[in-house]
């Protein structure tokens, strides 16, 4: 399954791409908002003060590297949805 092999996101655009599929099951995962908030806080640091065309948006997001911002709490919350989605027990509680 592709989600199992999903690598840790290196930049903001890859994090957004990961959050997309996990949002499909958000209603089935109790406590998902907490996990999403921890990961989305990394995206709030991106300077998107005005509206951009798609290509510019993607370039800005790809340029926002997460390596030095990525902490242990992010790694843990990145793994939790993957484990629940792939286990088949998406209705389980994350927290």
N, C-alpha and C. Protein backbone atom coordinates (compact mmCIF):
# COMPACT_ATOMS: atom_id res chain seq x y z
N UNK A 1 0.85 -1.18 0.00
CA UNK A 1 0.00 0.00 0.00
C UNK A 1 0.89 1.23 0.00
N UNK A 2 0.54 2.20 -0.80
CA UNK A 2 1.36 3.40 -0.99
C UNK A 2 1.53 4.23 0.28
N UNK A 3 0.52 4.28 1.10
CA UNK A 3 0.61 5.13 2.28
C UNK A 3 1.64 4.61 3.29
N UNK A 4 1.86 3.31 3.31
CA UNK A 4 2.85 2.72 4.22
C UNK A 4 4.25 3.20 3.85
N UNK A 5 4.52 3.29 2.58
CA UNK A 5 5.85 3.68 2.10
C UNK A 5 6.03 5.18 1.96
N UNK A 6 5.06 5.96 2.40
CA UNK A 6 5.14 7.42 2.28
C UNK A 6 6.30 7.93 3.11
N UNK A 7 7.20 8.62 2.47
CA UNK A 7 8.38 9.14 3.15
C UNK A 7 8.04 10.41 3.93
N UNK A 8 8.87 10.68 4.92
CA UNK A 8 8.72 11.91 5.70
C UNK A 8 8.83 13.10 4.75
N UNK A 9 7.88 14.02 4.80
CA UNK A 9 7.91 15.16 3.88
C UNK A 9 9.14 16.05 4.09
N UNK A 10 9.76 16.40 2.99
CA UNK A 10 10.95 17.26 3.05
C UNK A 10 10.60 18.74 2.97
N UNK A 11 9.45 19.04 2.40
CA UNK A 11 9.04 20.43 2.25
C UNK A 11 7.53 20.55 2.45
N UNK A 12 7.05 21.78 2.45
CA UNK A 12 5.65 22.04 2.75
C UNK A 12 4.71 21.43 1.72
N UNK A 13 5.08 21.44 0.45
CA UNK A 13 4.19 20.90 -0.58
C UNK A 13 4.01 19.40 -0.40
N UNK A 14 5.05 18.69 0.00
CA UNK A 14 4.93 17.25 0.22
C UNK A 14 4.09 16.95 1.46
N UNK A 15 4.11 17.83 2.43
CA UNK A 15 3.25 17.67 3.60
C UNK A 15 1.79 17.87 3.21
N UNK A 16 1.52 18.86 2.38
CA UNK A 16 0.16 19.11 1.91
C UNK A 16 -0.35 17.90 1.11
N UNK A 17 0.51 17.33 0.29
CA UNK A 17 0.14 16.17 -0.51
C UNK A 17 -0.17 14.98 0.40
N UNK A 18 0.54 14.83 1.50
CA UNK A 18 0.26 13.75 2.45
C UNK A 18 -1.07 13.99 3.16
N UNK A 19 -1.33 15.21 3.57
CA UNK A 19 -2.55 15.50 4.33
C UNK A 19 -3.81 15.32 3.49
N UNK A 20 -3.68 15.43 2.17
CA UNK A 20 -4.84 15.25 1.29
C UNK A 20 -5.52 13.91 1.47
N UNK A 21 -4.82 12.78 1.25
CA UNK A 21 -5.46 11.47 1.41
C UNK A 21 -5.90 11.18 2.83
N UNK A 22 -5.17 11.67 3.82
CA UNK A 22 -5.58 11.40 5.20
C UNK A 22 -6.87 12.13 5.54
N UNK A 23 -7.14 13.24 4.87
CA UNK A 23 -8.39 13.97 5.12
C UNK A 23 -9.62 13.20 4.65
N UNK A 24 -9.44 12.25 3.75
CA UNK A 24 -10.56 11.46 3.26
C UNK A 24 -11.17 10.62 4.39
N UNK A 25 -10.37 10.27 5.36
CA UNK A 25 -10.87 9.41 6.45
C UNK A 25 -10.94 10.15 7.79
N UNK A 26 -10.79 11.44 7.75
CA UNK A 26 -10.76 12.22 8.99
C UNK A 26 -12.00 12.03 9.86
N UNK A 27 -13.16 11.83 9.24
CA UNK A 27 -14.39 11.66 10.01
C UNK A 27 -14.43 10.30 10.72
N UNK A 28 -13.61 9.37 10.28
CA UNK A 28 -13.59 8.04 10.88
C UNK A 28 -12.55 7.91 11.99
N UNK A 29 -11.67 8.91 12.10
CA UNK A 29 -10.58 8.83 13.06
C UNK A 29 -10.83 9.83 14.19
N UNK A 30 -11.12 9.31 15.36
CA UNK A 30 -11.36 10.17 16.51
C UNK A 30 -10.04 10.85 16.90
N UNK A 31 -10.05 12.14 17.08
CA UNK A 31 -8.86 12.87 17.48
C UNK A 31 -7.97 13.30 16.32
N UNK A 32 -8.46 13.12 15.09
CA UNK A 32 -7.63 13.47 13.93
C UNK A 32 -7.30 14.96 13.88
N UNK A 33 -8.19 15.79 14.37
CA UNK A 33 -7.96 17.24 14.34
C UNK A 33 -6.70 17.62 15.12
N UNK A 34 -6.41 16.90 16.18
CA UNK A 34 -5.21 17.17 16.98
C UNK A 34 -3.96 16.87 16.16
N UNK A 35 -3.97 15.72 15.50
CA UNK A 35 -2.84 15.33 14.66
C UNK A 35 -2.67 16.31 13.51
N UNK A 36 -3.76 16.63 12.87
CA UNK A 36 -3.71 17.56 11.74
C UNK A 36 -3.19 18.93 12.17
N UNK A 37 -3.59 19.38 13.33
CA UNK A 37 -3.15 20.69 13.81
C UNK A 37 -1.64 20.73 14.00
N UNK A 38 -1.08 19.68 14.58
CA UNK A 38 0.37 19.64 14.81
C UNK A 38 1.12 19.73 13.49
N UNK A 39 0.65 19.01 12.48
CA UNK A 39 1.32 19.04 11.18
C UNK A 39 1.03 20.35 10.43
N UNK A 40 -0.18 20.85 10.54
CA UNK A 40 -0.53 22.09 9.84
C UNK A 40 0.18 23.31 10.43
N UNK A 41 0.59 23.23 11.69
CA UNK A 41 1.34 24.34 12.27
C UNK A 41 2.64 24.58 11.49
N UNK A 42 3.20 23.52 10.92
CA UNK A 42 4.39 23.68 10.07
C UNK A 42 4.07 24.48 8.81
N UNK A 43 2.84 24.37 8.33
CA UNK A 43 2.45 25.07 7.11
C UNK A 43 2.14 26.54 7.38
N UNK A 44 1.79 26.86 8.60
CA UNK A 44 1.49 28.26 8.93
C UNK A 44 2.71 29.16 8.84
N UNK A 45 3.89 28.56 8.88
CA UNK A 45 5.13 29.33 8.80
C UNK A 45 5.44 29.80 7.38
N UNK A 46 4.76 29.24 6.39
CA UNK A 46 5.00 29.61 5.00
C UNK A 46 4.40 30.99 4.76
N UNK A 47 5.18 31.87 4.13
CA UNK A 47 4.71 33.22 3.87
C UNK A 47 3.86 33.25 2.60
N UNK A 48 2.55 33.16 2.80
CA UNK A 48 1.59 33.25 1.70
C UNK A 48 0.67 34.44 1.98
N UNK A 49 1.28 35.60 2.05
CA UNK A 49 0.55 36.80 2.44
C UNK A 49 -0.43 37.30 1.38
N UNK A 50 -0.32 36.80 0.17
CA UNK A 50 -1.28 37.20 -0.87
C UNK A 50 -1.60 35.99 -1.74
N UNK A 51 -2.54 36.16 -2.64
CA UNK A 51 -2.95 35.07 -3.51
C UNK A 51 -1.96 34.92 -4.66
N UNK A 52 -1.60 33.68 -4.93
CA UNK A 52 -0.65 33.38 -5.99
C UNK A 52 -1.27 32.43 -7.00
N UNK A 53 -0.73 32.43 -8.19
CA UNK A 53 -1.11 31.42 -9.17
C UNK A 53 -0.58 30.08 -8.67
N UNK A 54 -1.12 29.01 -9.22
CA UNK A 54 -0.78 27.67 -8.76
C UNK A 54 0.72 27.39 -8.86
N UNK A 55 1.34 27.76 -9.95
CA UNK A 55 2.77 27.48 -10.14
C UNK A 55 3.62 28.21 -9.11
N UNK A 56 3.28 29.44 -8.81
CA UNK A 56 4.02 30.22 -7.82
C UNK A 56 3.80 29.64 -6.43
N UNK A 57 2.56 29.29 -6.13
CA UNK A 57 2.22 28.68 -4.84
C UNK A 57 3.05 27.41 -4.64
N UNK A 58 3.10 26.55 -5.65
CA UNK A 58 3.86 25.30 -5.54
C UNK A 58 5.34 25.57 -5.34
N UNK A 59 5.88 26.58 -6.02
CA UNK A 59 7.30 26.91 -5.88
C UNK A 59 7.61 27.40 -4.47
N UNK A 60 6.73 28.23 -3.92
CA UNK A 60 6.92 28.75 -2.56
C UNK A 60 6.84 27.60 -1.55
N UNK A 61 5.85 26.73 -1.71
CA UNK A 61 5.68 25.62 -0.78
C UNK A 61 6.84 24.63 -0.88
N UNK A 62 7.31 24.37 -2.08
CA UNK A 62 8.45 23.46 -2.26
C UNK A 62 9.73 24.06 -1.70
N UNK A 63 9.82 25.37 -1.68
CA UNK A 63 11.00 26.04 -1.15
C UNK A 63 11.03 26.11 0.37
N UNK A 64 9.90 25.82 1.00
CA UNK A 64 9.80 25.85 2.47
C UNK A 64 10.22 24.48 3.01
N UNK A 65 11.48 24.32 3.33
CA UNK A 65 12.04 23.05 3.79
C UNK A 65 11.68 22.79 5.25
N UNK A 66 11.38 21.57 5.55
CA UNK A 66 10.92 21.19 6.90
C UNK A 66 12.00 20.55 7.76
N UNK A 67 13.14 20.23 7.17
CA UNK A 67 14.17 19.47 7.88
C UNK A 67 14.52 20.05 9.25
N UNK A 68 14.80 21.33 9.33
CA UNK A 68 15.19 21.91 10.61
C UNK A 68 14.00 22.20 11.52
N UNK A 69 12.80 22.19 10.97
CA UNK A 69 11.60 22.46 11.76
C UNK A 69 10.96 21.16 12.28
N UNK A 70 11.27 20.04 11.64
CA UNK A 70 10.66 18.76 11.93
C UNK A 70 11.18 18.22 13.26
N UNK A 71 10.29 18.08 14.21
CA UNK A 71 10.63 17.62 15.56
C UNK A 71 10.06 16.22 15.79
N UNK A 72 10.35 15.66 16.95
CA UNK A 72 9.87 14.32 17.28
C UNK A 72 8.35 14.25 17.30
N UNK A 73 7.70 15.31 17.77
CA UNK A 73 6.23 15.31 17.81
C UNK A 73 5.65 15.25 16.40
N UNK A 74 6.32 15.87 15.44
CA UNK A 74 5.85 15.82 14.05
C UNK A 74 6.02 14.41 13.48
N UNK A 75 7.15 13.79 13.79
CA UNK A 75 7.39 12.42 13.32
C UNK A 75 6.34 11.47 13.86
N UNK A 76 6.00 11.62 15.13
CA UNK A 76 5.00 10.75 15.76
C UNK A 76 3.63 10.96 15.13
N UNK A 77 3.24 12.21 14.97
CA UNK A 77 1.92 12.48 14.42
C UNK A 77 1.85 12.16 12.93
N UNK A 78 2.98 12.12 12.25
CA UNK A 78 3.03 11.71 10.85
C UNK A 78 2.76 10.21 10.73
N UNK A 79 3.24 9.43 11.70
CA UNK A 79 3.07 7.98 11.66
C UNK A 79 1.69 7.51 12.09
N UNK A 80 1.04 8.22 13.01
CA UNK A 80 -0.23 7.77 13.56
C UNK A 80 -1.33 7.57 12.51
N UNK A 81 -1.59 8.54 11.63
CA UNK A 81 -2.64 8.30 10.62
C UNK A 81 -2.27 7.16 9.68
N UNK A 82 -0.98 7.04 9.36
CA UNK A 82 -0.55 5.95 8.48
C UNK A 82 -0.85 4.60 9.11
N UNK A 83 -0.56 4.48 10.39
CA UNK A 83 -0.79 3.21 11.09
C UNK A 83 -2.27 2.88 11.15
N UNK A 84 -3.10 3.85 11.46
CA UNK A 84 -4.53 3.61 11.59
C UNK A 84 -5.16 3.30 10.23
N UNK A 85 -4.81 4.07 9.22
CA UNK A 85 -5.38 3.85 7.89
C UNK A 85 -5.01 2.48 7.35
N UNK A 86 -3.77 2.08 7.53
CA UNK A 86 -3.32 0.80 6.98
C UNK A 86 -3.74 -0.40 7.83
N UNK A 87 -4.10 -0.16 9.08
CA UNK A 87 -4.50 -1.28 9.93
C UNK A 87 -5.93 -1.72 9.67
N UNK A 88 -6.72 -0.87 9.02
CA UNK A 88 -8.11 -1.22 8.77
C UNK A 88 -9.03 -0.82 9.90
N UNK A 89 -8.46 -0.25 10.94
CA UNK A 89 -9.26 0.19 12.08
C UNK A 89 -9.28 1.70 12.14
N UNK A 90 -9.77 2.34 11.09
CA UNK A 90 -9.77 3.78 10.97
C UNK A 90 -10.70 4.45 12.00
N UNK A 91 -11.55 3.68 12.62
CA UNK A 91 -12.44 4.27 13.61
C UNK A 91 -11.80 4.31 15.00
N UNK A 92 -10.59 3.79 15.13
CA UNK A 92 -9.90 3.80 16.42
C UNK A 92 -9.51 5.22 16.81
N UNK A 93 -9.24 5.39 18.06
CA UNK A 93 -8.85 6.69 18.57
C UNK A 93 -7.35 6.90 18.44
N UNK A 94 -6.96 8.09 18.01
CA UNK A 94 -5.54 8.42 17.90
C UNK A 94 -4.97 8.81 19.24
N UNK A 95 -5.72 9.43 20.06
CA UNK A 95 -5.20 9.95 21.33
C UNK A 95 -6.01 9.40 22.47
